[in-house]
Amino acid sequence: MLVTELFLIAMLLVFALPYLIWRLGRTEYYAPLVVVQILTGILLGPGLLGAAFPDYYAFVFRPDVVMALNGVAWWAVMLFVWIAGIELDLEQAWANRYETGITAGLALGVPLLAGGAAGLVLLGWGGWIGSEGQPWQFVAGIGMACAVTALPILVLFMEKMEILRQPLGQRVLRYASLDDIAIWAVLALILLDFERVGRQALYIAGFIAATLAFRRLMRAVPERDRWYLGLIWLAANGLVSDWAGLHYMVGAFLSGAVMDSRWFNTERMDLLRHHVLLVVMPVFFLSTGLRTDWQVGGIAVFAAAALLLVAAVGGKLAGLGIAGRILRWPPGEARLIGWLLQTKALIMIIFANILLDKGIITPEAFTALLLMAVASTMLTIPKVTPLLERVRR
């Protein structure tokens, strides 16, 4: 068959299979469509579909088809991370810096330490650190993966629960926004390549200078031009940051973070995020599933995922519990915010993809992180819904 035909077979699987599972299985409460799409990507990967039907898997997912899918996935995830950067509201975080600083610091720091401890356990276990990774990079990467909050998915969940525009929702967004900046800063530190440190220093210096000129240009043009200029800015930053050894997704996030959300119509930005999730992100989920691996044994991968889940969820709830006591929040509020902020899904999967690309973790560790991200996200709505009712009462 032609490559185009095989590509379209893969695309048919990407969109039809998760939709049927989600709609016919009525999984919305426990597993929203985005979670089902991630799980379907795992099912279509080499560890499951490839193991059960190796000939069919090799026939459909030929290297040239996978490369075409990867191209769509790269641009999809760059768009998604760019939008997440734009939606950061640093002005609100600064205006409420005392409360935001304490809460965001504990929400990030406690699960980071818990995840780092889990990383040390995996380091002693063997088979989880990549060929290019140093022990400190592995421990820091696993720790930060456990501390990540998926800001775009958090926005979707809070929209669904009708709290996004309420004071509670805006507070949660401030905490998540501040943590997002710290997460990408730590990632840049983990990826620091001393062989390319000159390129990276040149990129940072050039980025600062280019940002000043870009922001002046964006303020001078009408909104319809800002969309086009923003995409050009995104592609350029992704290219140069990848050339510098920082990974194209670091550049994608930074290109959005230095843009102001008020430059764009809020409804149009919400629609763009919705359409990116609808039209191209499912391809990223499939390409993520194609990278899963179970060679160390399914039980070992699930055990590692369970360890990481305990560290991530337990650390986040503990951190918010401490923040609630310091700031004297009403009863139940710290637990509610803790469950919201432990949502992982896309950002953690993106984070884990970068660690895998750079050889810091093995495919088995990537699979365990992926399972942890899916499980933590599936827990969010069932846990938050009754807590939200209590807080409202």
Protein backbone atom coordinates (compact mmCIF):
# COMPACT_ATOMS: atom_id res chain seq x y z
CA MET A 1 0.00 0.00 0.00
CA LEU A 2 1.00 3.62 -0.50
CA VAL A 3 2.39 5.60 2.43
CA THR A 4 -0.56 8.00 2.19
CA GLU A 5 -3.03 5.12 2.55
CA LEU A 6 -1.21 3.69 5.57
CA PHE A 7 -1.02 7.19 7.09
CA LEU A 8 -4.78 7.59 6.72
CA ILE A 9 -5.38 4.14 8.26
CA ALA A 10 -3.36 5.31 11.26
CA MET A 11 -5.33 8.58 11.38
CA LEU A 12 -8.59 6.64 11.24
CA LEU A 13 -7.50 4.61 14.27
CA VAL A 14 -6.36 7.79 16.07
CA PHE A 15 -9.75 9.49 15.83
CA ALA A 16 -12.28 6.65 15.63
CA LEU A 17 -11.09 4.24 18.34
CA PRO A 18 -10.88 6.62 21.33
CA TYR A 19 -14.13 8.34 20.36
CA LEU A 20 -16.01 5.03 20.26
CA ILE A 21 -14.54 3.95 23.61
CA TRP A 22 -15.39 7.33 25.18
CA ARG A 23 -18.90 7.61 23.75
CA LEU A 24 -20.08 4.00 23.97
CA GLY A 25 -18.33 3.37 27.28
CA ARG A 26 -19.63 6.65 28.78
CA THR A 27 -16.30 7.22 30.48
CA GLU A 28 -16.58 11.03 30.85
CA TYR A 29 -16.74 11.07 34.65
CA TYR A 30 -13.63 8.96 35.25
CA ALA A 31 -11.84 9.33 31.94
CA PRO A 32 -12.54 12.42 29.77
CA LEU A 33 -11.90 12.06 26.04
CA VAL A 34 -8.36 13.43 26.35
CA VAL A 35 -7.49 10.64 28.84
CA VAL A 36 -9.09 8.00 26.60
CA GLN A 37 -7.00 9.30 23.69
CA ILE A 38 -3.81 8.91 25.73
CA LEU A 39 -4.81 5.37 26.77
CA THR A 40 -5.63 4.50 23.17
CA GLY A 41 -2.18 5.68 22.14
CA ILE A 42 -0.70 3.22 24.66
CA LEU A 43 -2.96 0.42 23.36
CA LEU A 44 -1.78 1.07 19.80
CA GLY A 45 1.88 1.02 20.86
CA PRO A 46 4.40 -1.79 20.42
CA GLY A 47 3.90 -3.13 23.94
CA LEU A 48 0.24 -4.05 23.37
CA LEU A 49 -0.95 -3.94 19.73
CA GLY A 50 2.58 -4.68 18.55
CA ALA A 51 2.87 -7.67 20.87
CA ALA A 52 -0.59 -9.06 20.05
CA PHE A 53 -0.51 -8.44 16.28
CA PRO A 54 3.13 -7.88 15.30
CA ASP A 55 2.56 -8.32 11.55
CA TYR A 56 -0.33 -5.85 11.44
CA TYR A 57 1.60 -3.39 13.61
CA ALA A 58 4.65 -3.57 11.34
CA PHE A 59 2.41 -3.19 8.27
CA VAL A 60 0.59 -0.01 9.44
CA PHE A 61 3.27 1.68 11.51
CA ARG A 62 6.13 1.55 9.05
CA PRO A 63 9.05 3.93 9.72
CA ASP A 64 7.95 6.37 7.00
CA VAL A 65 4.38 6.44 8.38
CA VAL A 66 5.66 6.98 11.92
CA MET A 67 7.86 9.84 10.69
CA ALA A 68 4.87 11.51 9.05
CA LEU A 69 2.84 11.12 12.25
CA ASN A 70 5.73 12.50 14.30
CA GLY A 71 5.83 15.64 12.14
CA VAL A 72 2.16 16.36 12.88
CA ALA A 73 2.72 15.54 16.56
CA TRP A 74 5.71 17.90 16.87
CA TRP A 75 3.74 20.88 15.56
CA ALA A 76 0.66 19.94 17.61
CA VAL A 77 2.54 19.86 20.89
CA MET A 78 4.42 23.06 20.08
CA LEU A 79 1.09 24.83 19.55
CA PHE A 80 -0.30 23.39 22.77
CA VAL A 81 2.69 24.42 24.89
CA TRP A 82 2.73 27.86 23.22
CA ILE A 83 -0.91 28.44 24.20
CA ALA A 84 -0.13 27.31 27.77
CA GLY A 85 2.64 29.90 27.91
CA ILE A 86 0.37 32.67 26.65
CA GLU A 87 -2.26 31.84 29.28
CA LEU A 88 0.14 32.42 32.18
CA ASP A 89 -1.07 35.41 34.20
CA LEU A 90 2.07 36.69 35.91
CA GLU A 91 0.51 40.04 36.83
CA GLN A 92 -2.11 38.37 39.03
CA ALA A 93 0.55 36.13 40.58
CA TRP A 94 2.64 39.19 41.45
CA ALA A 95 -0.34 41.10 42.85
CA ASN A 96 -1.01 38.19 45.26
CA ARG A 97 2.63 37.22 45.65
CA TYR A 98 2.60 36.33 49.38
CA GLU A 99 -0.20 33.78 49.19
CA THR A 100 0.76 32.64 45.68
CA GLY A 101 4.44 32.26 46.55
CA ILE A 102 3.82 30.15 49.65
CA THR A 103 1.21 27.95 47.99
CA ALA A 104 3.02 27.48 44.67
CA GLY A 105 6.32 26.85 46.46
CA LEU A 106 4.89 24.10 48.65
CA ALA A 107 2.76 22.67 45.81
CA LEU A 108 5.94 22.29 43.77
CA GLY A 109 8.59 21.64 46.42
CA VAL A 110 6.99 18.82 48.45
CA PRO A 111 6.07 16.55 45.48
CA LEU A 112 9.47 17.38 43.94
CA LEU A 113 11.19 15.98 47.03
CA ALA A 114 8.85 12.98 47.15
CA GLY A 115 9.37 12.31 43.45
CA GLY A 116 13.13 12.69 43.86
CA ALA A 117 13.04 10.05 46.60
CA ALA A 118 11.10 7.76 44.25
CA GLY A 119 13.73 8.47 41.59
CA LEU A 120 16.46 7.35 43.98
CA VAL A 121 14.56 4.09 44.55
CA LEU A 122 14.31 3.52 40.78
CA LEU A 123 17.98 4.42 40.39
CA GLY A 124 18.91 1.62 42.78
CA TRP A 125 16.48 -0.76 41.10
CA GLY A 126 18.21 -0.56 37.70
CA GLY A 127 16.90 -0.37 34.14
CA TRP A 128 15.29 3.09 34.40
CA ILE A 129 18.04 5.65 33.76
CA GLY A 130 18.86 6.39 30.11
CA SER A 131 22.24 5.98 28.46
CA GLU A 132 22.82 9.76 28.29
CA GLY A 133 21.51 10.62 31.75
CA GLN A 134 23.51 11.49 34.83
CA PRO A 135 22.09 10.30 38.20
CA TRP A 136 21.31 13.88 39.29
CA GLN A 137 19.48 14.54 36.01
CA PHE A 138 17.43 11.38 36.41
CA VAL A 139 16.47 12.11 40.04
CA ALA A 140 15.66 15.76 39.28
CA GLY A 141 13.69 14.78 36.16
CA ILE A 142 11.61 12.16 38.00
CA GLY A 143 11.05 14.56 40.88
CA MET A 144 9.88 17.34 38.60
CA ALA A 145 7.64 14.94 36.65
CA CYS A 146 5.89 14.15 39.95
CA ALA A 147 5.54 17.88 40.73
CA VAL A 148 4.13 18.96 37.34
CA THR A 149 0.61 20.40 37.06
CA ALA A 150 -0.99 20.26 33.61
CA LEU A 151 -2.24 23.84 33.32
CA PRO A 152 -4.23 23.42 30.05
CA ILE A 153 -5.99 20.26 31.30
CA LEU A 154 -6.62 21.97 34.63
CA VAL A 155 -8.35 24.78 32.71
CA LEU A 156 -10.54 22.24 30.87
CA PHE A 157 -11.50 20.49 34.11
CA MET A 158 -12.34 23.74 35.90
CA GLU A 159 -14.43 24.86 32.92
CA LYS A 160 -16.35 21.61 33.15
CA MET A 161 -16.93 22.08 36.90
CA GLU A 162 -17.89 25.75 36.33
CA ILE A 163 -15.27 27.21 38.69
CA LEU A 164 -12.75 28.60 36.18
CA ARG A 165 -13.98 32.20 36.31
CA GLN A 166 -14.79 32.09 40.03
CA PRO A 167 -12.34 33.36 42.71
CA LEU A 168 -11.33 29.78 43.64
CA GLY A 169 -10.57 28.92 40.02
CA GLN A 170 -8.52 32.07 39.50
CA ARG A 171 -6.48 31.31 42.63
CA VAL A 172 -5.74 27.80 41.42
CA LEU A 173 -4.65 29.20 38.05
CA ARG A 174 -2.21 31.57 39.77
CA TYR A 175 -0.61 28.71 41.72
CA ALA A 176 -0.37 26.52 38.61
CA SER A 177 1.03 29.38 36.49
CA LEU A 178 3.88 30.09 38.88
CA ASP A 179 4.73 26.39 39.08
CA ASP A 180 4.72 26.16 35.27
CA ILE A 181 7.52 28.72 35.07
CA ALA A 182 9.56 26.88 37.70
CA ILE A 183 9.04 23.55 35.94
CA TRP A 184 10.38 24.79 32.61
CA ALA A 185 13.26 26.56 34.33
CA VAL A 186 14.29 23.32 36.07
CA LEU A 187 13.93 21.46 32.77
CA ALA A 188 16.29 23.94 31.09
CA LEU A 189 18.78 23.29 33.93
CA ILE A 190 18.47 19.51 33.54
CA LEU A 191 19.04 19.80 29.79
CA LEU A 192 22.07 22.07 30.18
CA ASP A 193 24.65 20.67 27.79
CA PHE A 194 28.17 21.79 28.64
CA GLU A 195 29.31 20.91 25.13
CA ARG A 196 26.73 23.34 23.77
CA VAL A 197 26.82 25.88 26.59
CA GLY A 198 28.04 28.55 24.18
CA ARG A 199 25.04 27.98 21.92
CA GLN A 200 22.69 28.03 24.90
CA ALA A 201 24.13 31.28 26.25
CA LEU A 202 23.85 32.78 22.76
CA TYR A 203 20.23 31.61 22.53
CA ILE A 204 19.28 33.13 25.90
CA ALA A 205 20.94 36.45 25.10
CA GLY A 206 19.40 36.53 21.63
CA PHE A 207 16.01 35.53 23.00
CA ILE A 208 15.97 38.43 25.48
CA ALA A 209 16.89 40.96 22.79
CA ALA A 210 14.43 39.49 20.28
CA THR A 211 11.65 39.44 22.90
CA LEU A 212 11.93 43.19 23.49
CA ALA A 213 11.64 43.88 19.75
CA PHE A 214 8.87 41.30 19.30
CA ARG A 215 6.75 42.71 22.12
CA ARG A 216 7.05 46.22 20.70
CA LEU A 217 5.97 44.91 17.29
CA MET A 218 2.99 43.00 18.73
CA ARG A 219 1.70 46.09 20.52
CA ALA A 220 1.90 48.08 17.28
CA VAL A 221 -0.13 45.73 15.03
CA PRO A 222 -3.85 44.79 15.08
CA GLU A 223 -4.98 41.46 16.58
CA ARG A 224 -5.44 39.72 13.22
CA ASP A 225 -1.71 40.19 12.52
CA ARG A 226 -0.71 39.07 16.02
CA TRP A 227 -1.90 35.51 15.35
CA TYR A 228 0.35 35.16 12.29
CA LEU A 229 3.31 36.86 13.93
CA GLY A 230 2.86 34.66 17.03
CA LEU A 231 3.10 31.49 14.93
CA ILE A 232 6.23 32.77 13.13
CA TRP A 233 7.72 33.60 16.55
CA LEU A 234 6.81 30.10 17.78
CA ALA A 235 8.48 28.29 14.87
CA ALA A 236 11.61 30.44 15.09
CA ASN A 237 12.02 29.90 18.84
CA GLY A 238 11.44 26.17 18.55
CA LEU A 239 14.10 25.95 15.84
CA VAL A 240 16.75 27.99 17.65
CA SER A 241 16.19 26.39 21.08
CA ASP A 242 16.49 22.92 19.54
CA TRP A 243 19.68 23.99 17.75
CA ALA A 244 21.02 25.19 21.12
CA GLY A 245 20.32 21.80 22.70
CA LEU A 246 17.44 22.93 24.96
CA HIS A 247 14.71 21.04 23.02
CA TYR A 248 12.16 22.69 20.75
CA MET A 249 9.40 22.51 23.39
CA VAL A 250 11.38 24.75 25.76
CA GLY A 251 11.48 27.34 23.00
CA ALA A 252 7.77 26.84 22.32
CA PHE A 253 6.87 27.49 25.95
CA LEU A 254 9.15 30.53 26.24
CA SER A 255 7.75 32.00 23.02
CA GLY A 256 4.27 31.93 24.58
CA ALA A 257 5.31 32.96 28.10
CA VAL A 258 6.67 36.33 26.91
CA MET A 259 3.38 37.12 25.13
CA ASP A 260 0.46 38.81 26.92
CA SER A 261 -2.89 37.04 26.88
CA ARG A 262 -4.63 40.43 26.68
CA TRP A 263 -3.24 40.85 23.15
CA PHE A 264 -5.79 38.25 22.01
CA ASN A 265 -9.53 37.81 22.27
CA THR A 266 -10.16 35.35 25.15
CA GLU A 267 -12.91 33.47 23.32
CA ARG A 268 -10.73 33.00 20.24
CA MET A 269 -7.84 31.74 22.38
CA ASP A 270 -10.18 29.26 24.08
CA LEU A 271 -11.39 28.11 20.66
CA LEU A 272 -7.82 27.71 19.41
CA ARG A 273 -6.94 25.53 22.43
CA HIS A 274 -10.10 23.50 21.88
CA HIS A 275 -9.37 23.01 18.16
CA VAL A 276 -5.73 22.05 18.74
CA LEU A 277 -6.93 19.41 21.23
CA LEU A 278 -9.59 18.24 18.79
CA VAL A 279 -7.73 18.26 15.48
CA VAL A 280 -4.03 17.52 16.02
CA MET A 281 -3.25 16.56 19.64
CA PRO A 282 -4.69 13.01 19.21
CA VAL A 283 -1.80 12.39 16.79
CA PHE A 284 0.63 13.36 19.56
CA PHE A 285 -1.07 10.84 21.88
CA LEU A 286 -0.61 8.11 19.28
CA SER A 287 3.04 9.00 18.70
CA THR A 288 3.51 8.95 22.50
CA GLY A 289 1.96 5.48 22.70
CA LEU A 290 4.32 4.24 19.99
CA ARG A 291 7.23 5.03 22.34
CA THR A 292 6.06 2.91 25.27
CA ASP A 293 8.10 -0.14 26.24
CA TRP A 294 7.57 -3.05 28.64
CA GLN A 295 10.87 -4.91 28.24
CA VAL A 296 11.72 -4.85 31.96
CA GLY A 297 8.42 -6.64 32.55
CA GLY A 298 4.84 -5.43 32.86
CA ILE A 299 4.71 -5.97 36.62
CA ALA A 300 7.88 -3.91 37.16
CA VAL A 301 6.53 -1.05 35.03
CA PHE A 302 3.21 -1.04 36.91
CA ALA A 303 5.02 -1.18 40.26
CA ALA A 304 7.18 1.79 39.26
CA ALA A 305 4.07 3.67 38.10
CA ALA A 306 2.36 2.99 41.45
CA LEU A 307 5.41 4.27 43.35
CA LEU A 308 5.46 7.44 41.25
CA LEU A 309 1.70 7.93 41.68
CA VAL A 310 1.99 7.76 45.47
CA ALA A 311 4.88 10.25 45.42
CA ALA A 312 3.08 12.65 43.05
CA VAL A 313 -0.38 12.65 44.63
CA GLY A 314 0.80 12.28 48.22
CA GLY A 315 3.42 15.01 47.81
CA LYS A 316 0.95 17.43 46.22
CA LEU A 317 -1.71 16.88 48.90
CA ALA A 318 0.88 17.20 51.68
CA GLY A 319 2.26 20.42 50.21
CA LEU A 320 -1.19 22.00 49.93
CA GLY A 321 -2.07 20.80 53.42
CA ILE A 322 0.92 22.69 54.83
CA ALA A 323 0.01 25.78 52.77
CA GLY A 324 -3.57 25.63 54.04
CA ARG A 325 -2.40 25.62 57.66
CA ILE A 326 0.03 28.50 57.16
CA LEU A 327 -2.56 30.63 55.32
CA ARG A 328 -5.50 29.43 57.50
CA TRP A 329 -7.74 28.30 54.70
CA PRO A 330 -11.27 27.04 55.47
CA PRO A 331 -11.62 23.29 56.18
CA GLY A 332 -11.47 21.14 53.06
CA GLU A 333 -10.11 23.85 50.76
CA ALA A 334 -6.49 22.66 50.85
CA ARG A 335 -7.53 19.12 49.92
CA LEU A 336 -9.71 20.41 47.07
CA ILE A 337 -6.92 22.58 45.62
CA GLY A 338 -4.43 19.74 46.12
CA TRP A 339 -6.49 17.35 44.01
CA LEU A 340 -6.91 19.98 41.30
CA LEU A 341 -3.19 20.77 41.16
CA GLN A 342 -2.13 17.13 40.98
CA THR A 343 -3.66 16.85 37.48
CA LYS A 344 -0.82 15.65 35.24
CA ALA A 345 -1.89 14.51 31.77
CA LEU A 346 -0.39 16.43 28.86
CA ILE A 347 2.31 18.61 30.39
CA MET A 348 3.86 15.71 32.28
CA ILE A 349 3.71 13.55 29.15
CA ILE A 350 5.43 16.34 27.22
CA PHE A 351 8.00 16.62 30.02
CA ALA A 352 8.62 12.85 29.94
CA ASN A 353 8.94 12.91 26.13
CA ILE A 354 11.75 15.45 26.44
CA LEU A 355 13.55 13.33 29.06
CA LEU A 356 13.25 10.32 26.75
CA ASP A 357 14.43 12.29 23.70
CA LYS A 358 17.54 13.38 25.60
CA GLY A 359 18.31 9.84 26.82
CA ILE A 360 17.86 10.75 30.50
CA ILE A 361 15.23 8.04 31.07
CA THR A 362 14.64 4.68 29.39
CA PRO A 363 11.47 3.78 27.45
CA GLU A 364 10.44 1.67 30.46
CA ALA A 365 10.69 4.68 32.79
CA PHE A 366 8.78 6.71 30.21
CA THR A 367 6.01 4.10 30.22
CA ALA A 368 5.80 4.18 34.02
CA LEU A 369 5.59 7.99 33.99
CA LEU A 370 2.91 7.84 31.31
CA LEU A 371 0.81 5.41 33.37
CA MET A 372 1.23 7.63 36.44
CA ALA A 373 0.08 10.70 34.47
CA VAL A 374 -3.02 8.93 33.20
CA ALA A 375 -3.94 7.54 36.63
CA SER A 376 -3.50 10.88 38.40
CA THR A 377 -5.65 12.65 35.80
CA MET A 378 -8.40 10.03 36.03
CA LEU A 379 -8.55 10.55 39.80
CA THR A 380 -9.10 14.31 39.58
CA ILE A 381 -12.80 14.72 38.76
CA PRO A 382 -14.08 11.85 40.98
CA LYS A 383 -12.10 13.24 43.92
CA VAL A 384 -12.77 16.94 43.33
CA THR A 385 -16.53 16.76 42.68
CA PRO A 386 -17.63 15.73 46.23
CA LEU A 387 -15.03 18.01 47.83
CA LEU A 388 -16.29 20.94 45.77
CA GLU A 389 -19.86 20.29 46.93
CA ARG A 390 -18.72 20.36 50.58
CA VAL A 391 -16.76 23.59 50.13
CA ARG A 392 -19.74 25.22 48.37
CA ARG A 393 -22.05 24.21 51.26
